[in-house]
Amino acid sequence: MTKKQFWVDPYQTTFDTTVAAVDGANVTLQSTIFFAFSGGQESDAGSIGGHPVLAARKDGLEIVYTLAEGHGLIAGQAVRIEIDWARRYRLMRLHFAAELVLELACKALPGVDKVGAHIAQDKARIDFVWPQSIAPLLPEIAAEANAIVAADLPIVCAFDDEAGERRYWEIAGFSRVPCGGTHVRRTGEVGVIRLKRNNIGRGKERVEIYLLA
């Protein structure tokens, strides 16, 4: 099972590790800083042993990386991981912005169901089942989220169940939420949040989340 160093230090951009196994174009590592798509958060971009990672996916508690055919890596080989920090940091900031918005929306709309989420480098989105427009609530939710950001509060991330790799984040006095993504250390790193409503029909509401910088 790959050790997830990205949970230990999500700000790390280079990391020396060892190839655990190779199956054609697919490679697993003993430990990694390269996040694979999970919980709506897109995968990192970068390279392993100088070879660009074409895809990264979770397989149970394992992470499988796809490289180009003919990469030449072998089990037991020492390799260096390098990730695109600008992309990672943007994903971390947007991820936590989405988490704040989700928590505040759930408090404002008791019984609302989240049915989808996606965090990309340019924006994040959350999809809800709700019978009417969520637009009237967005200014209040944005104001509350930005107040939490402006307070520059510490964000604690830890395991609920280390063996099962179940993680959470917590802001004291606000919320504790299960989540296995990568997170910033303080809310002030997120920056100013802007929200936009997108009606996707059939009783579903989409909130798009943007950062102003």
N, C-alpha and C. Protein backbone atom coordinates (compact mmCIF):
# COMPACT_ATOMS: atom_id res chain seq x y z
N MET A 1 0.84 -1.20 0.00
CA MET A 1 0.00 0.00 0.00
C MET A 1 0.88 1.25 0.00
N THR A 2 0.55 2.17 -0.88
CA THR A 2 1.32 3.40 -0.98
C THR A 2 1.14 4.28 0.25
N LYS A 3 2.25 4.74 0.84
CA LYS A 3 2.17 5.72 1.91
C LYS A 3 1.88 7.09 1.30
N LYS A 4 0.87 7.78 1.81
CA LYS A 4 0.43 9.05 1.24
C LYS A 4 1.15 10.21 1.94
N GLN A 5 2.30 10.56 1.42
CA GLN A 5 3.07 11.66 1.98
C GLN A 5 2.37 13.00 1.77
N PHE A 6 1.46 13.07 0.79
CA PHE A 6 0.73 14.34 0.56
C PHE A 6 -0.17 14.69 1.73
N TRP A 7 -0.49 13.73 2.59
CA TRP A 7 -1.22 14.05 3.81
C TRP A 7 -0.27 14.57 4.90
N VAL A 8 0.93 14.05 4.92
CA VAL A 8 1.91 14.47 5.91
C VAL A 8 2.33 15.92 5.65
N ASP A 9 2.61 16.23 4.38
CA ASP A 9 3.03 17.58 3.99
C ASP A 9 2.48 17.91 2.61
N PRO A 10 1.29 18.51 2.55
CA PRO A 10 0.70 18.82 1.24
C PRO A 10 1.42 19.93 0.49
N TYR A 11 2.41 20.55 1.11
CA TYR A 11 3.17 21.63 0.46
C TYR A 11 4.46 21.12 -0.19
N GLN A 12 4.71 19.84 -0.09
CA GLN A 12 5.94 19.26 -0.65
C GLN A 12 5.80 19.09 -2.15
N THR A 13 6.80 19.53 -2.91
CA THR A 13 6.70 19.51 -4.38
C THR A 13 7.64 18.51 -5.04
N THR A 14 8.68 18.08 -4.33
CA THR A 14 9.57 17.03 -4.83
C THR A 14 9.73 15.99 -3.74
N PHE A 15 9.93 14.74 -4.16
CA PHE A 15 9.97 13.66 -3.17
C PHE A 15 10.70 12.47 -3.78
N ASP A 16 11.62 11.92 -3.03
CA ASP A 16 12.36 10.72 -3.47
C ASP A 16 11.72 9.48 -2.87
N THR A 17 11.44 8.51 -3.73
CA THR A 17 10.75 7.30 -3.29
C THR A 17 11.27 6.11 -4.10
N THR A 18 10.58 4.98 -3.99
CA THR A 18 10.99 3.75 -4.67
C THR A 18 9.80 3.15 -5.40
N VAL A 19 10.04 2.63 -6.59
CA VAL A 19 8.99 1.95 -7.34
C VAL A 19 8.65 0.65 -6.63
N ALA A 20 7.36 0.45 -6.35
CA ALA A 20 6.91 -0.78 -5.68
C ALA A 20 6.63 -1.89 -6.67
N ALA A 21 5.95 -1.56 -7.78
CA ALA A 21 5.59 -2.57 -8.77
C ALA A 21 5.36 -1.90 -10.12
N VAL A 22 5.54 -2.67 -11.18
CA VAL A 22 5.33 -2.18 -12.54
C VAL A 22 4.49 -3.21 -13.29
N ASP A 23 3.44 -2.74 -13.96
CA ASP A 23 2.60 -3.59 -14.81
C ASP A 23 2.38 -2.85 -16.11
N GLY A 24 3.29 -3.02 -17.04
CA GLY A 24 3.21 -2.30 -18.31
C GLY A 24 3.40 -0.81 -18.06
N ALA A 25 2.40 -0.03 -18.47
CA ALA A 25 2.48 1.42 -18.29
C ALA A 25 2.12 1.86 -16.88
N ASN A 26 1.59 0.94 -16.07
CA ASN A 26 1.12 1.27 -14.73
C ASN A 26 2.19 1.01 -13.68
N VAL A 27 2.33 1.97 -12.78
CA VAL A 27 3.38 1.93 -11.77
C VAL A 27 2.76 2.23 -10.41
N THR A 28 3.20 1.52 -9.37
CA THR A 28 2.87 1.88 -8.00
C THR A 28 4.17 2.20 -7.26
N LEU A 29 4.04 3.02 -6.22
CA LEU A 29 5.19 3.51 -5.49
C LEU A 29 5.08 3.15 -4.01
N GLN A 30 6.21 3.10 -3.33
CA GLN A 30 6.18 2.81 -1.90
C GLN A 30 5.57 3.97 -1.12
N SER A 31 5.83 5.20 -1.57
CA SER A 31 5.25 6.39 -0.95
C SER A 31 5.15 7.47 -2.02
N THR A 32 4.29 8.46 -1.77
CA THR A 32 4.03 9.42 -2.84
C THR A 32 3.55 10.77 -2.32
N ILE A 33 3.86 11.82 -3.07
CA ILE A 33 3.26 13.14 -2.84
C ILE A 33 2.27 13.47 -3.95
N PHE A 34 2.07 12.57 -4.92
CA PHE A 34 1.27 12.82 -6.11
C PHE A 34 -0.17 12.37 -5.85
N PHE A 35 -1.07 13.35 -5.66
CA PHE A 35 -2.47 13.06 -5.34
C PHE A 35 -3.20 12.51 -6.56
N ALA A 36 -4.04 11.49 -6.33
CA ALA A 36 -4.86 10.91 -7.39
C ALA A 36 -6.32 11.31 -7.19
N PHE A 37 -7.03 11.53 -8.28
CA PHE A 37 -8.42 11.99 -8.25
C PHE A 37 -9.23 11.28 -7.17
N SER A 38 -9.84 12.06 -6.29
CA SER A 38 -10.63 11.50 -5.20
C SER A 38 -11.50 12.58 -4.59
N GLY A 39 -12.74 12.22 -4.26
CA GLY A 39 -13.64 13.16 -3.61
C GLY A 39 -13.94 14.39 -4.43
N GLY A 40 -13.81 14.28 -5.74
CA GLY A 40 -14.05 15.42 -6.63
C GLY A 40 -12.81 16.23 -6.93
N GLN A 41 -11.73 16.07 -6.16
CA GLN A 41 -10.51 16.83 -6.39
C GLN A 41 -9.70 16.18 -7.49
N GLU A 42 -9.35 16.95 -8.52
CA GLU A 42 -8.59 16.41 -9.64
C GLU A 42 -7.18 16.00 -9.21
N SER A 43 -6.58 15.12 -10.01
CA SER A 43 -5.23 14.64 -9.75
C SER A 43 -4.21 15.76 -9.94
N ASP A 44 -3.08 15.59 -9.27
CA ASP A 44 -1.94 16.47 -9.53
C ASP A 44 -1.44 16.27 -10.94
N ALA A 45 -0.58 17.18 -11.38
CA ALA A 45 0.18 17.03 -12.61
C ALA A 45 1.65 16.98 -12.23
N GLY A 46 2.43 16.20 -12.98
CA GLY A 46 3.85 16.12 -12.67
C GLY A 46 4.49 14.90 -13.28
N SER A 47 5.60 14.47 -12.70
CA SER A 47 6.38 13.38 -13.28
C SER A 47 6.90 12.45 -12.20
N ILE A 48 7.20 11.23 -12.62
CA ILE A 48 7.83 10.22 -11.78
C ILE A 48 9.07 9.73 -12.51
N GLY A 49 10.23 9.92 -11.90
CA GLY A 49 11.47 9.52 -12.54
C GLY A 49 11.71 10.20 -13.87
N GLY A 50 11.20 11.43 -13.99
CA GLY A 50 11.36 12.18 -15.22
C GLY A 50 10.32 11.88 -16.29
N HIS A 51 9.40 10.95 -16.01
CA HIS A 51 8.36 10.57 -16.97
C HIS A 51 7.04 11.23 -16.59
N PRO A 52 6.41 11.98 -17.49
CA PRO A 52 5.14 12.62 -17.17
C PRO A 52 4.07 11.59 -16.78
N VAL A 53 3.32 11.91 -15.74
CA VAL A 53 2.21 11.05 -15.32
C VAL A 53 1.01 11.38 -16.19
N LEU A 54 0.52 10.37 -16.91
CA LEU A 54 -0.62 10.55 -17.81
C LEU A 54 -1.95 10.43 -17.08
N ALA A 55 -1.98 9.63 -16.02
CA ALA A 55 -3.21 9.45 -15.24
C ALA A 55 -2.82 8.91 -13.87
N ALA A 56 -3.64 9.24 -12.88
CA ALA A 56 -3.46 8.73 -11.52
C ALA A 56 -4.83 8.34 -10.99
N ARG A 57 -4.92 7.14 -10.43
CA ARG A 57 -6.22 6.68 -9.94
C ARG A 57 -6.05 5.89 -8.65
N LYS A 58 -7.09 5.91 -7.84
CA LYS A 58 -7.10 5.10 -6.63
C LYS A 58 -7.59 3.70 -6.98
N ASP A 59 -6.99 2.70 -6.35
CA ASP A 59 -7.41 1.31 -6.47
C ASP A 59 -7.45 0.75 -5.06
N GLY A 60 -8.60 0.88 -4.39
CA GLY A 60 -8.66 0.58 -2.98
C GLY A 60 -7.84 1.60 -2.21
N LEU A 61 -6.89 1.12 -1.41
CA LEU A 61 -6.00 2.02 -0.68
C LEU A 61 -4.70 2.27 -1.44
N GLU A 62 -4.61 1.70 -2.62
CA GLU A 62 -3.43 1.87 -3.47
C GLU A 62 -3.64 3.02 -4.45
N ILE A 63 -2.55 3.57 -4.96
CA ILE A 63 -2.60 4.56 -6.03
C ILE A 63 -1.80 4.03 -7.21
N VAL A 64 -2.42 4.05 -8.39
CA VAL A 64 -1.80 3.55 -9.61
C VAL A 64 -1.55 4.72 -10.55
N TYR A 65 -0.32 4.83 -11.03
CA TYR A 65 0.07 5.89 -11.95
C TYR A 65 0.31 5.30 -13.33
N THR A 66 -0.22 5.96 -14.34
CA THR A 66 -0.01 5.53 -15.71
C THR A 66 1.00 6.45 -16.38
N LEU A 67 2.07 5.85 -16.90
CA LEU A 67 3.11 6.57 -17.64
C LEU A 67 3.04 6.14 -19.09
N ALA A 68 3.83 6.76 -19.93
CA ALA A 68 3.88 6.38 -21.33
C ALA A 68 4.51 4.99 -21.46
N GLU A 69 4.07 4.22 -22.44
CA GLU A 69 4.69 2.91 -22.70
C GLU A 69 6.19 3.09 -22.93
N GLY A 70 6.95 2.11 -22.46
CA GLY A 70 8.40 2.17 -22.65
C GLY A 70 9.11 3.06 -21.66
N HIS A 71 8.47 3.34 -20.53
CA HIS A 71 9.09 4.24 -19.54
C HIS A 71 10.37 3.66 -18.94
N GLY A 72 10.47 2.34 -18.87
CA GLY A 72 11.71 1.70 -18.43
C GLY A 72 11.89 1.57 -16.94
N LEU A 73 10.95 2.04 -16.13
CA LEU A 73 11.09 1.91 -14.69
C LEU A 73 10.90 0.46 -14.26
N ILE A 74 11.60 0.06 -13.18
CA ILE A 74 11.50 -1.30 -12.67
C ILE A 74 11.26 -1.27 -11.17
N ALA A 75 10.67 -2.34 -10.64
CA ALA A 75 10.43 -2.43 -9.21
C ALA A 75 11.75 -2.33 -8.45
N GLY A 76 11.73 -1.58 -7.37
CA GLY A 76 12.92 -1.39 -6.56
C GLY A 76 13.78 -0.21 -6.98
N GLN A 77 13.43 0.42 -8.08
CA GLN A 77 14.22 1.56 -8.57
C GLN A 77 13.90 2.82 -7.78
N ALA A 78 14.93 3.57 -7.45
CA ALA A 78 14.75 4.87 -6.80
C ALA A 78 14.33 5.90 -7.84
N VAL A 79 13.32 6.69 -7.51
CA VAL A 79 12.81 7.71 -8.45
C VAL A 79 12.47 8.98 -7.68
N ARG A 80 12.43 10.06 -8.40
CA ARG A 80 12.00 11.33 -7.81
C ARG A 80 10.65 11.74 -8.41
N ILE A 81 9.73 12.14 -7.53
CA ILE A 81 8.45 12.69 -7.96
C ILE A 81 8.56 14.21 -7.96
N GLU A 82 8.05 14.83 -9.00
CA GLU A 82 7.95 16.28 -9.06
C GLU A 82 6.52 16.63 -9.44
N ILE A 83 5.90 17.52 -8.67
CA ILE A 83 4.53 17.92 -9.00
C ILE A 83 4.48 19.40 -9.36
N ASP A 84 3.47 19.74 -10.13
CA ASP A 84 3.21 21.13 -10.52
C ASP A 84 2.61 21.85 -9.32
N TRP A 85 3.45 22.65 -8.65
CA TRP A 85 3.01 23.29 -7.41
C TRP A 85 1.91 24.31 -7.64
N ALA A 86 1.99 25.08 -8.71
CA ALA A 86 0.97 26.10 -8.97
C ALA A 86 -0.41 25.43 -9.07
N ARG A 87 -0.46 24.29 -9.75
CA ARG A 87 -1.73 23.57 -9.88
C ARG A 87 -2.16 23.01 -8.52
N ARG A 88 -1.24 22.34 -7.81
CA ARG A 88 -1.59 21.76 -6.52
C ARG A 88 -2.13 22.82 -5.56
N TYR A 89 -1.45 23.95 -5.47
CA TYR A 89 -1.86 24.95 -4.50
C TYR A 89 -3.22 25.54 -4.87
N ARG A 90 -3.45 25.73 -6.16
CA ARG A 90 -4.76 26.22 -6.60
C ARG A 90 -5.86 25.20 -6.25
N LEU A 91 -5.58 23.93 -6.47
CA LEU A 91 -6.55 22.89 -6.13
C LEU A 91 -6.82 22.86 -4.63
N MET A 92 -5.77 23.00 -3.82
CA MET A 92 -5.95 23.02 -2.38
C MET A 92 -6.83 24.18 -1.95
N ARG A 93 -6.58 25.36 -2.49
CA ARG A 93 -7.35 26.53 -2.12
C ARG A 93 -8.81 26.40 -2.55
N LEU A 94 -9.04 25.97 -3.79
CA LEU A 94 -10.41 25.81 -4.28
C LEU A 94 -11.13 24.67 -3.56
N HIS A 95 -10.38 23.62 -3.24
CA HIS A 95 -10.99 22.52 -2.49
C HIS A 95 -11.53 23.02 -1.16
N PHE A 96 -10.72 23.79 -0.44
CA PHE A 96 -11.21 24.22 0.86
C PHE A 96 -12.31 25.27 0.72
N ALA A 97 -12.24 26.10 -0.31
CA ALA A 97 -13.33 27.03 -0.56
C ALA A 97 -14.64 26.26 -0.76
N ALA A 98 -14.58 25.17 -1.53
CA ALA A 98 -15.77 24.36 -1.76
C ALA A 98 -16.26 23.72 -0.47
N GLU A 99 -15.33 23.27 0.37
CA GLU A 99 -15.72 22.67 1.65
C GLU A 99 -16.46 23.69 2.53
N LEU A 100 -15.95 24.91 2.59
CA LEU A 100 -16.62 25.95 3.37
C LEU A 100 -18.03 26.22 2.85
N VAL A 101 -18.14 26.36 1.54
CA VAL A 101 -19.44 26.65 0.94
C VAL A 101 -20.42 25.50 1.20
N LEU A 102 -19.95 24.28 1.08
CA LEU A 102 -20.81 23.13 1.33
C LEU A 102 -21.33 23.12 2.76
N GLU A 103 -20.44 23.33 3.72
CA GLU A 103 -20.86 23.33 5.12
C GLU A 103 -21.88 24.44 5.39
N LEU A 104 -21.63 25.62 4.85
CA LEU A 104 -22.54 26.74 5.09
C LEU A 104 -23.87 26.53 4.38
N ALA A 105 -23.85 25.92 3.19
CA ALA A 105 -25.10 25.64 2.47
C ALA A 105 -25.93 24.61 3.24
N CYS A 106 -25.27 23.61 3.80
CA CYS A 106 -26.00 22.59 4.55
C CYS A 106 -26.62 23.17 5.81
N LYS A 107 -25.97 24.16 6.41
CA LYS A 107 -26.54 24.81 7.59
C LYS A 107 -27.71 25.73 7.22
N ALA A 108 -27.62 26.34 6.04
CA ALA A 108 -28.67 27.26 5.60
C ALA A 108 -29.87 26.52 5.02
N LEU A 109 -29.65 25.30 4.53
CA LEU A 109 -30.70 24.52 3.88
C LEU A 109 -30.81 23.15 4.54
N PRO A 110 -31.43 23.06 5.69
CA PRO A 110 -31.55 21.76 6.38
C PRO A 110 -32.19 20.71 5.47
N GLY A 111 -31.55 19.55 5.40
CA GLY A 111 -32.07 18.47 4.57
C GLY A 111 -31.59 18.47 3.15
N VAL A 112 -30.80 19.47 2.74
CA VAL A 112 -30.30 19.50 1.37
C VAL A 112 -29.36 18.32 1.15
N ASP A 113 -29.38 17.77 -0.07
CA ASP A 113 -28.51 16.64 -0.41
C ASP A 113 -27.47 17.08 -1.42
N LYS A 114 -26.21 16.83 -1.12
CA LYS A 114 -25.15 17.04 -2.10
C LYS A 114 -25.09 15.81 -2.99
N VAL A 115 -25.10 16.02 -4.30
CA VAL A 115 -25.10 14.88 -5.23
C VAL A 115 -23.90 14.89 -6.16
N GLY A 116 -23.02 15.86 -6.01
CA GLY A 116 -21.84 15.88 -6.86
C GLY A 116 -20.93 17.03 -6.50
N ALA A 117 -19.65 16.87 -6.85
CA ALA A 117 -18.68 17.93 -6.62
C ALA A 117 -17.50 17.72 -7.55
N HIS A 118 -16.87 18.81 -7.92
CA HIS A 118 -15.68 18.72 -8.76
C HIS A 118 -14.79 19.92 -8.46
N ILE A 119 -13.51 19.65 -8.24
CA ILE A 119 -12.55 20.72 -7.97
C ILE A 119 -11.49 20.68 -9.05
N ALA A 120 -11.48 21.69 -9.89
CA ALA A 120 -10.49 21.83 -10.95
C ALA A 120 -9.61 23.04 -10.64
N GLN A 121 -8.69 23.34 -11.54
CA GLN A 121 -7.74 24.43 -11.27
C GLN A 121 -8.38 25.80 -11.45
N ASP A 122 -9.40 25.90 -12.29
CA ASP A 122 -10.01 27.21 -12.56
C ASP A 122 -11.21 27.51 -11.68
N LYS A 123 -11.93 26.46 -11.27
CA LYS A 123 -13.10 26.66 -10.43
C LYS A 123 -13.49 25.33 -9.79
N ALA A 124 -14.36 25.43 -8.78
CA ALA A 124 -14.95 24.25 -8.16
C ALA A 124 -16.46 24.34 -8.33
N ARG A 125 -17.14 23.21 -8.15
CA ARG A 125 -18.60 23.23 -8.18
C ARG A 125 -19.13 22.20 -7.20
N ILE A 126 -20.34 22.50 -6.71
CA ILE A 126 -21.07 21.56 -5.86
C ILE A 126 -22.50 21.48 -6.39
N ASP A 127 -23.02 20.27 -6.53
CA ASP A 127 -24.38 20.05 -7.00
C ASP A 127 -25.26 19.58 -5.84
N PHE A 128 -26.43 20.19 -5.75
CA PHE A 128 -27.38 19.87 -4.69
C PHE A 128 -28.72 19.45 -5.31
N VAL A 129 -29.45 18.61 -4.58
CA VAL A 129 -30.86 18.39 -4.88
C VAL A 129 -31.64 19.39 -4.03
N TRP A 130 -32.31 20.33 -4.71
CA TRP A 130 -33.09 21.36 -4.01
C TRP A 130 -34.17 21.86 -4.96
N PRO A 131 -35.41 22.02 -4.48
CA PRO A 131 -36.53 22.28 -5.39
C PRO A 131 -36.65 23.71 -5.90
N GLN A 132 -35.85 24.61 -5.39
CA GLN A 132 -35.97 26.00 -5.83
C GLN A 132 -34.59 26.64 -5.96
N SER A 133 -34.57 27.83 -6.50
CA SER A 133 -33.30 28.51 -6.74
C SER A 133 -32.55 28.77 -5.44
N ILE A 134 -31.28 28.48 -5.47
CA ILE A 134 -30.42 28.73 -4.32
C ILE A 134 -29.81 30.13 -4.39
N ALA A 135 -30.05 30.82 -5.49
CA ALA A 135 -29.42 32.12 -5.74
C ALA A 135 -29.62 33.14 -4.60
N PRO A 136 -30.85 33.26 -4.02
CA PRO A 136 -31.03 34.27 -2.96
C PRO A 136 -30.12 34.06 -1.75
N LEU A 137 -29.68 32.83 -1.52
CA LEU A 137 -28.84 32.55 -0.35
C LEU A 137 -27.35 32.77 -0.61
N LEU A 138 -26.96 32.86 -1.87
CA LEU A 138 -25.53 32.89 -2.18
C LEU A 138 -24.79 34.09 -1.61
N PRO A 139 -25.36 35.30 -1.63
CA PRO A 139 -24.62 36.42 -1.03
C PRO A 139 -24.31 36.20 0.45
N GLU A 140 -25.27 35.64 1.18
CA GLU A 140 -25.04 35.39 2.61
C GLU A 140 -23.99 34.29 2.81
N ILE A 141 -24.09 33.22 2.02
CA ILE A 141 -23.12 32.14 2.13
C ILE A 141 -21.72 32.64 1.78
N ALA A 142 -21.62 33.43 0.71
CA ALA A 142 -20.32 33.98 0.31
C ALA A 142 -19.75 34.88 1.40
N ALA A 143 -20.60 35.70 2.00
CA ALA A 143 -20.14 36.61 3.06
C ALA A 143 -19.63 35.82 4.26
N GLU A 144 -20.35 34.77 4.64
CA GLU A 144 -19.92 33.96 5.78
C GLU A 144 -18.62 33.22 5.48
N ALA A 145 -18.51 32.68 4.26
CA ALA A 145 -17.29 31.98 3.87
C ALA A 145 -16.10 32.94 3.86
N ASN A 146 -16.29 34.12 3.32
CA ASN A 146 -15.20 35.09 3.26
C ASN A 146 -14.83 35.62 4.64
N ALA A 147 -15.78 35.65 5.57
CA ALA A 147 -15.46 36.05 6.95
C ALA A 147 -14.56 35.00 7.61
N ILE A 148 -14.83 33.73 7.34
CA ILE A 148 -13.99 32.66 7.88
C ILE A 148 -12.60 32.72 7.25
N VAL A 149 -12.54 33.01 5.96
CA VAL A 149 -11.24 33.17 5.29
C VAL A 149 -10.47 34.33 5.91
N ALA A 150 -11.14 35.47 6.07
CA ALA A 150 -10.49 36.67 6.59
C ALA A 150 -9.99 36.47 8.02
N ALA A 151 -10.63 35.60 8.78
CA ALA A 151 -10.22 35.34 10.16
C ALA A 151 -8.92 34.54 10.23
N ASP A 152 -8.49 33.97 9.11
CA ASP A 152 -7.22 33.23 9.02
C ASP A 152 -7.11 32.19 10.13
N LEU A 153 -8.12 31.32 10.20
CA LEU A 153 -8.19 30.30 11.24
C LEU A 153 -7.35 29.08 10.89
N PRO A 154 -6.78 28.40 11.89
CA PRO A 154 -6.03 27.18 11.61
C PRO A 154 -6.97 26.04 11.21
N ILE A 155 -6.51 25.22 10.27
CA ILE A 155 -7.25 24.05 9.81
C ILE A 155 -6.49 22.81 10.25
N VAL A 156 -7.13 21.99 11.06
CA VAL A 156 -6.51 20.75 11.54
C VAL A 156 -6.95 19.61 10.64
N CYS A 157 -5.99 18.79 10.18
CA CYS A 157 -6.29 17.60 9.38
C CYS A 157 -5.67 16.39 10.06
N ALA A 158 -6.43 15.30 10.19
CA ALA A 158 -5.93 14.12 10.88
C ALA A 158 -6.77 12.91 10.48
N PHE A 159 -6.42 11.75 11.06
CA PHE A 159 -7.14 10.52 10.78
C PHE A 159 -8.27 10.30 11.78
N ASP A 160 -9.43 9.87 11.28
CA ASP A 160 -10.45 9.24 12.11
C ASP A 160 -10.11 7.76 12.29
N ASP A 161 -9.59 7.16 11.19
CA ASP A 161 -9.25 5.74 11.17
C ASP A 161 -8.01 5.60 10.29
N GLU A 162 -6.84 5.47 10.93
CA GLU A 162 -5.60 5.46 10.15
C GLU A 162 -5.49 4.21 9.29
N ALA A 163 -5.89 3.05 9.82
CA ALA A 163 -5.80 1.81 9.04
C ALA A 163 -6.68 1.87 7.80
N GLY A 164 -7.85 2.45 7.95
CA GLY A 164 -8.76 2.57 6.81
C GLY A 164 -8.55 3.82 5.99
N GLU A 165 -7.56 4.64 6.38
CA GLU A 165 -7.23 5.89 5.69
C GLU A 165 -8.43 6.82 5.58
N ARG A 166 -9.17 6.93 6.67
CA ARG A 166 -10.28 7.88 6.71
C ARG A 166 -9.82 9.14 7.45
N ARG A 167 -9.89 10.26 6.74
CA ARG A 167 -9.36 11.52 7.24
C ARG A 167 -10.48 12.54 7.49
N TYR A 168 -10.13 13.60 8.18
CA TYR A 168 -11.07 14.70 8.38
C TYR A 168 -10.29 16.01 8.44
N TRP A 169 -11.02 17.12 8.22
CA TRP A 169 -10.49 18.44 8.54
C TRP A 169 -11.39 19.06 9.59
N GLU A 170 -10.83 20.00 10.35
CA GLU A 170 -11.62 20.62 11.41
C GLU A 170 -11.19 22.07 11.62
N ILE A 171 -12.17 22.94 11.76
CA ILE A 171 -11.97 24.30 12.25
C ILE A 171 -12.68 24.37 13.59
N ALA A 172 -11.94 24.62 14.64
CA ALA A 172 -12.52 24.63 15.99
C ALA A 172 -13.69 25.61 16.07
N GLY A 173 -14.81 25.11 16.57
CA GLY A 173 -15.99 25.94 16.73
C GLY A 173 -16.83 26.10 15.49
N PHE A 174 -16.37 25.55 14.36
CA PHE A 174 -17.14 25.66 13.12
C PHE A 174 -17.64 24.30 12.66
N SER A 175 -16.71 23.39 12.32
CA SER A 175 -17.14 22.10 11.81
C SER A 175 -15.97 21.12 11.77
N ARG A 176 -16.33 19.85 11.79
CA ARG A 176 -15.38 18.74 11.58
C ARG A 176 -15.96 17.86 10.49
N VAL A 177 -15.21 17.66 9.39
CA VAL A 177 -15.77 17.08 8.17
C VAL A 177 -14.87 15.96 7.64
N PRO A 178 -15.42 14.77 7.35
CA PRO A 178 -14.62 13.72 6.73
C PRO A 178 -14.13 14.16 5.35
N CYS A 179 -12.84 13.99 5.07
CA CYS A 179 -12.31 14.40 3.77
C CYS A 179 -10.88 13.88 3.62
N GLY A 180 -10.58 13.28 2.47
CA GLY A 180 -9.26 12.75 2.22
C GLY A 180 -8.46 13.53 1.21
N GLY A 181 -8.84 14.78 0.96
CA GLY A 181 -8.11 15.60 0.00
C GLY A 181 -6.90 16.27 0.62
N THR A 182 -6.30 17.17 -0.14
CA THR A 182 -5.20 17.97 0.37
C THR A 182 -5.76 19.35 0.74
N HIS A 183 -5.27 19.89 1.86
CA HIS A 183 -5.84 21.13 2.38
C HIS A 183 -4.75 22.14 2.75
N VAL A 184 -5.12 23.40 2.67
CA VAL A 184 -4.24 24.46 3.17
C VAL A 184 -4.23 24.41 4.69
N ARG A 185 -3.23 25.07 5.29
CA ARG A 185 -3.09 25.03 6.75
C ARG A 185 -3.96 26.05 7.46
N ARG A 186 -4.27 27.16 6.78
CA ARG A 186 -5.06 28.22 7.40
C ARG A 186 -6.08 28.74 6.39
N THR A 187 -7.23 29.17 6.90
CA THR A 187 -8.29 29.64 6.01
C THR A 187 -7.87 30.86 5.19
N GLY A 188 -6.96 31.68 5.74
CA GLY A 188 -6.55 32.89 5.03
C GLY A 188 -5.86 32.64 3.72
N GLU A 189 -5.35 31.41 3.52
CA GLU A 189 -4.68 31.08 2.26
C GLU A 189 -5.67 30.96 1.10
N VAL A 190 -6.93 30.76 1.40
CA VAL A 190 -7.92 30.51 0.34
C VAL A 190 -8.08 31.73 -0.56
N GLY A 191 -8.17 32.92 0.02
CA GLY A 191 -8.41 34.12 -0.77
C GLY A 191 -9.90 34.39 -0.91
N VAL A 192 -10.23 35.46 -1.60
CA VAL A 192 -11.63 35.90 -1.71
C VAL A 192 -12.42 34.94 -2.60
N ILE A 193 -13.57 34.52 -2.08
CA ILE A 193 -14.44 33.56 -2.76
C ILE A 193 -15.60 34.28 -3.44
N ARG A 194 -15.90 33.86 -4.66
CA ARG A 194 -17.08 34.37 -5.37
C ARG A 194 -17.93 33.18 -5.78
N LEU A 195 -19.25 33.31 -5.65
CA LEU A 195 -20.17 32.22 -5.97
C LEU A 195 -21.10 32.58 -7.12
N LYS A 196 -21.45 31.56 -7.87
CA LYS A 196 -22.38 31.73 -9.00
C LYS A 196 -23.31 30.54 -9.04
N ARG A 197 -24.61 30.81 -9.23
CA ARG A 197 -25.58 29.74 -9.33
C ARG A 197 -25.73 29.28 -10.78
N ASN A 198 -25.88 27.97 -10.97
CA ASN A 198 -26.12 27.39 -12.29
C ASN A 198 -27.22 26.36 -12.13
N ASN A 199 -28.37 26.61 -12.74
CA ASN A 199 -29.50 25.68 -12.66
C ASN A 199 -29.30 24.56 -13.67
N ILE A 200 -29.05 23.35 -13.17
CA ILE A 200 -28.83 22.23 -14.10
C ILE A 200 -30.10 21.40 -14.32
N GLY A 201 -31.23 21.87 -13.76
CA GLY A 201 -32.53 21.26 -14.05
C GLY A 201 -32.86 20.06 -13.19
N ARG A 202 -34.12 19.61 -13.30
CA ARG A 202 -34.64 18.43 -12.61
C ARG A 202 -34.44 18.52 -11.10
N GLY A 203 -34.70 19.70 -10.55
CA GLY A 203 -34.61 19.87 -9.11
C GLY A 203 -33.21 19.91 -8.57
N LYS A 204 -32.25 20.19 -9.44
CA LYS A 204 -30.85 20.24 -9.01
C LYS A 204 -30.31 21.65 -9.17
N GLU A 205 -29.53 22.06 -8.19
CA GLU A 205 -28.88 23.36 -8.19
C GLU A 205 -27.37 23.17 -8.16
N ARG A 206 -26.66 23.96 -8.96
CA ARG A 206 -25.19 23.91 -8.97
C ARG A 206 -24.65 25.24 -8.49
N VAL A 207 -23.73 25.19 -7.54
CA VAL A 207 -23.02 26.37 -7.10
C VAL A 207 -21.59 26.29 -7.62
N GLU A 208 -21.20 27.28 -8.41
CA GLU A 208 -19.83 27.36 -8.92
C GLU A 208 -19.03 28.29 -8.03
N ILE A 209 -17.80 27.87 -7.73
CA ILE A 209 -16.95 28.58 -6.77
C ILE A 209 -15.70 29.06 -7.47
N TYR A 210 -15.43 30.35 -7.35
CA TYR A 210 -14.27 30.97 -7.98
C TYR A 210 -13.45 31.70 -6.93
N LEU A 211 -12.15 31.83 -7.20
CA LEU A 211 -11.27 32.66 -6.37
C LEU A 211 -10.88 33.89 -7.17
N LEU A 212 -10.87 35.04 -6.52
CA LEU A 212 -10.59 36.30 -7.24
C LEU A 212 -9.11 36.49 -7.54
N ALA A 213 -8.25 35.69 -6.95
CA ALA A 213 -6.81 35.79 -7.25
C ALA A 213 -6.17 34.42 -7.12
